[in-house]
Amino acid sequence: VYINNFMWYYNGEEFTSEMIEDNVGFVYIITNVSNNKKYVGKKILVSKRKLPPLKGKKRRRTKIVESKWQDYFGSSDEVNAILEEHGRDIFKREILHLCKSKSEMSYLELKEQMDREVLLNDEYYNGIIQVKIHRAHVKTLKK
């Protein structure tokens, strides 16, 4: 199977802007194919921007803007240094979870990081886990 290292993959298929639908972001894993070392993180797909009302109108407008997720390789300084030195070809990027809210994204990122023990395992580039989530924010995840 040919892997295009310029693409994100979700369930084995290339992920495109048309597949975003009502998702606001995703939890991902990036793998360095030369040594199998990984990084788990999250990325926003779209953001909402408030615009002033049109002339003669009272209601503010909302504009949904797509982020630069296609070019994203994580916030790890180590991953970005390797990217700078060796280029994109050394990494494989996979989406683990598509998320309907930022809170859902934070929760699932934390869950993946804890399940994989990224801070205890030398197979991961992750050096910090930082999250603050309220129970009300993840009610959509309750089974």
Protein backbone atom coordinates (compact mmCIF):
# COMPACT_ATOMS: atom_id res chain seq x y z
CA VAL A 1 0.00 0.00 0.00
CA TYR A 2 1.45 3.37 -1.06
CA ILE A 3 1.41 6.02 1.66
CA ASN A 4 1.36 9.66 0.56
CA ASN A 5 3.21 11.43 3.39
CA PHE A 6 1.61 14.74 2.46
CA MET A 7 -1.82 13.41 3.42
CA TRP A 8 -3.66 12.57 6.62
CA TYR A 9 -5.25 9.11 6.78
CA TYR A 10 -8.47 8.12 8.54
CA ASN A 11 -9.48 4.45 8.65
CA GLY A 12 -6.89 3.70 5.97
CA GLU A 13 -8.17 6.30 3.49
CA GLU A 14 -6.83 9.73 2.58
CA PHE A 15 -8.72 12.39 4.58
CA THR A 16 -9.87 15.48 2.65
CA SER A 17 -11.62 18.77 3.44
CA GLU A 18 -14.85 17.34 2.02
CA MET A 19 -14.85 14.75 4.84
CA ILE A 20 -14.79 17.33 7.69
CA GLU A 21 -18.62 17.61 7.86
CA ASP A 22 -19.63 18.81 11.36
CA ASN A 23 -16.37 17.82 13.07
CA VAL A 24 -14.32 20.59 14.70
CA GLY A 25 -11.06 18.67 15.03
CA PHE A 26 -9.31 15.35 15.42
CA VAL A 27 -6.96 13.32 17.60
CA TYR A 28 -4.00 11.97 15.68
CA ILE A 29 -0.87 9.88 15.78
CA ILE A 30 2.24 10.73 13.76
CA THR A 31 4.75 7.92 13.23
CA ASN A 32 8.40 8.31 12.27
CA VAL A 33 8.67 5.42 9.82
CA SER A 34 12.46 5.19 10.19
CA ASN A 35 12.35 4.27 13.91
CA ASN A 36 8.61 3.72 14.60
CA LYS A 37 8.60 6.49 17.25
CA LYS A 38 5.22 8.21 17.58
CA TYR A 39 3.51 11.41 18.73
CA VAL A 40 -0.13 11.63 19.88
CA GLY A 41 -1.90 14.99 19.71
CA LYS A 42 -4.97 16.91 18.59
CA LYS A 43 -5.69 19.47 15.88
CA ILE A 44 -8.55 21.85 15.18
CA LEU A 45 -10.04 21.51 11.69
CA VAL A 46 -12.22 24.63 11.69
CA SER A 47 -12.66 27.71 13.81
CA LYS A 48 -15.52 30.19 14.10
CA ARG A 49 -14.80 33.87 13.67
CA LYS A 50 -17.28 36.53 14.76
CA LEU A 51 -17.69 39.32 12.22
CA PRO A 52 -19.43 42.67 12.75
CA PRO A 53 -23.03 42.98 11.54
CA LEU A 54 -23.64 44.06 7.97
CA LYS A 55 -24.56 47.72 7.49
CA GLY A 56 -28.08 48.34 8.78
CA LYS A 57 -28.23 44.94 10.56
CA LYS A 58 -27.90 44.19 14.27
CA ARG A 59 -26.84 40.55 14.38
CA ARG A 60 -23.14 39.67 14.26
CA ARG A 61 -22.11 37.19 11.61
CA THR A 62 -20.19 33.95 12.11
CA LYS A 63 -17.62 32.82 9.58
CA ILE A 64 -16.27 29.27 9.70
CA VAL A 65 -12.64 29.10 8.63
CA GLU A 66 -10.69 25.91 7.90
CA SER A 67 -7.35 25.68 9.76
CA LYS A 68 -4.07 24.73 8.12
CA TRP A 69 -4.48 21.13 9.34
CA GLN A 70 -3.20 19.63 6.06
CA ASP A 71 0.32 20.95 6.77
CA TYR A 72 0.31 20.19 10.51
CA PHE A 73 2.89 17.83 12.05
CA GLY A 74 2.30 18.43 15.75
CA SER A 75 3.62 20.77 18.43
CA SER A 76 6.57 18.57 19.45
CA ASP A 77 9.87 20.44 19.13
CA GLU A 78 11.61 17.11 18.54
CA VAL A 79 9.23 16.09 15.73
CA ASN A 80 9.54 19.53 14.12
CA ALA A 81 13.35 19.37 14.28
CA ILE A 82 13.31 15.96 12.56
CA LEU A 83 10.83 17.32 10.01
CA GLU A 84 13.17 20.26 9.32
CA GLU A 85 16.18 17.96 8.89
CA HIS A 86 14.65 15.01 7.00
CA GLY A 87 11.41 16.32 5.46
CA ARG A 88 7.89 14.92 5.39
CA ASP A 89 8.79 11.58 3.83
CA ILE A 90 9.91 10.20 7.18
CA PHE A 91 6.44 10.59 8.81
CA LYS A 92 3.09 8.85 8.46
CA ARG A 93 0.05 10.81 9.77
CA GLU A 94 -3.15 9.09 10.95
CA ILE A 95 -6.38 10.44 12.40
CA LEU A 96 -7.53 8.30 15.34
CA HIS A 97 -10.76 10.14 16.22
CA LEU A 98 -12.86 12.81 14.51
CA CYS A 99 -14.41 15.08 17.16
CA LYS A 100 -17.58 17.18 17.32
CA SER A 101 -16.28 19.55 20.03
CA LYS A 102 -13.00 20.86 21.45
CA SER A 103 -13.76 19.19 24.80
CA GLU A 104 -14.37 15.83 23.15
CA MET A 105 -11.06 16.30 21.32
CA SER A 106 -9.20 17.07 24.59
CA TYR A 107 -10.73 14.08 26.36
CA LEU A 108 -9.94 11.61 23.56
CA GLU A 109 -6.39 12.98 23.20
CA LEU A 110 -5.83 12.46 26.94
CA LYS A 111 -7.38 8.97 26.80
CA GLU A 112 -5.11 7.95 23.90
CA GLN A 113 -2.05 9.39 25.66
CA MET A 114 -2.86 7.60 28.94
CA ASP A 115 -3.82 4.28 27.29
CA ARG A 116 -0.53 4.34 25.35
CA GLU A 117 1.46 5.58 28.41
CA VAL A 118 3.20 8.12 26.19
CA LEU A 119 5.16 9.73 29.05
CA LEU A 120 6.47 6.38 30.31
CA ASN A 121 7.23 4.83 26.94
CA ASP A 122 10.35 5.73 24.92
CA GLU A 123 8.44 4.89 21.73
CA TYR A 124 6.74 8.31 21.96
CA TYR A 125 7.95 11.87 21.43
CA ASN A 126 5.31 13.27 23.82
CA GLY A 127 6.95 15.08 26.74
CA ILE A 128 3.93 16.68 28.42
CA ILE A 129 0.24 16.00 28.95
CA GLN A 130 -1.84 19.03 29.77
CA VAL A 131 -5.64 19.07 29.93
CA LYS A 132 -8.58 20.59 31.78
CA ILE A 133 -11.98 19.06 31.05
CA HIS A 134 -15.32 19.43 32.81
CA ARG A 135 -17.80 16.54 33.04
CA ALA A 136 -20.46 18.61 31.23
CA HIS A 137 -18.13 19.02 28.27
CA VAL A 138 -17.95 15.29 27.52
CA LYS A 139 -21.58 14.29 28.04
CA THR A 140 -21.84 13.39 24.34
CA LEU A 141 -19.24 10.64 24.90
CA LYS A 142 -21.26 8.87 27.63
CA LYS A 143 -22.36 5.41 26.60
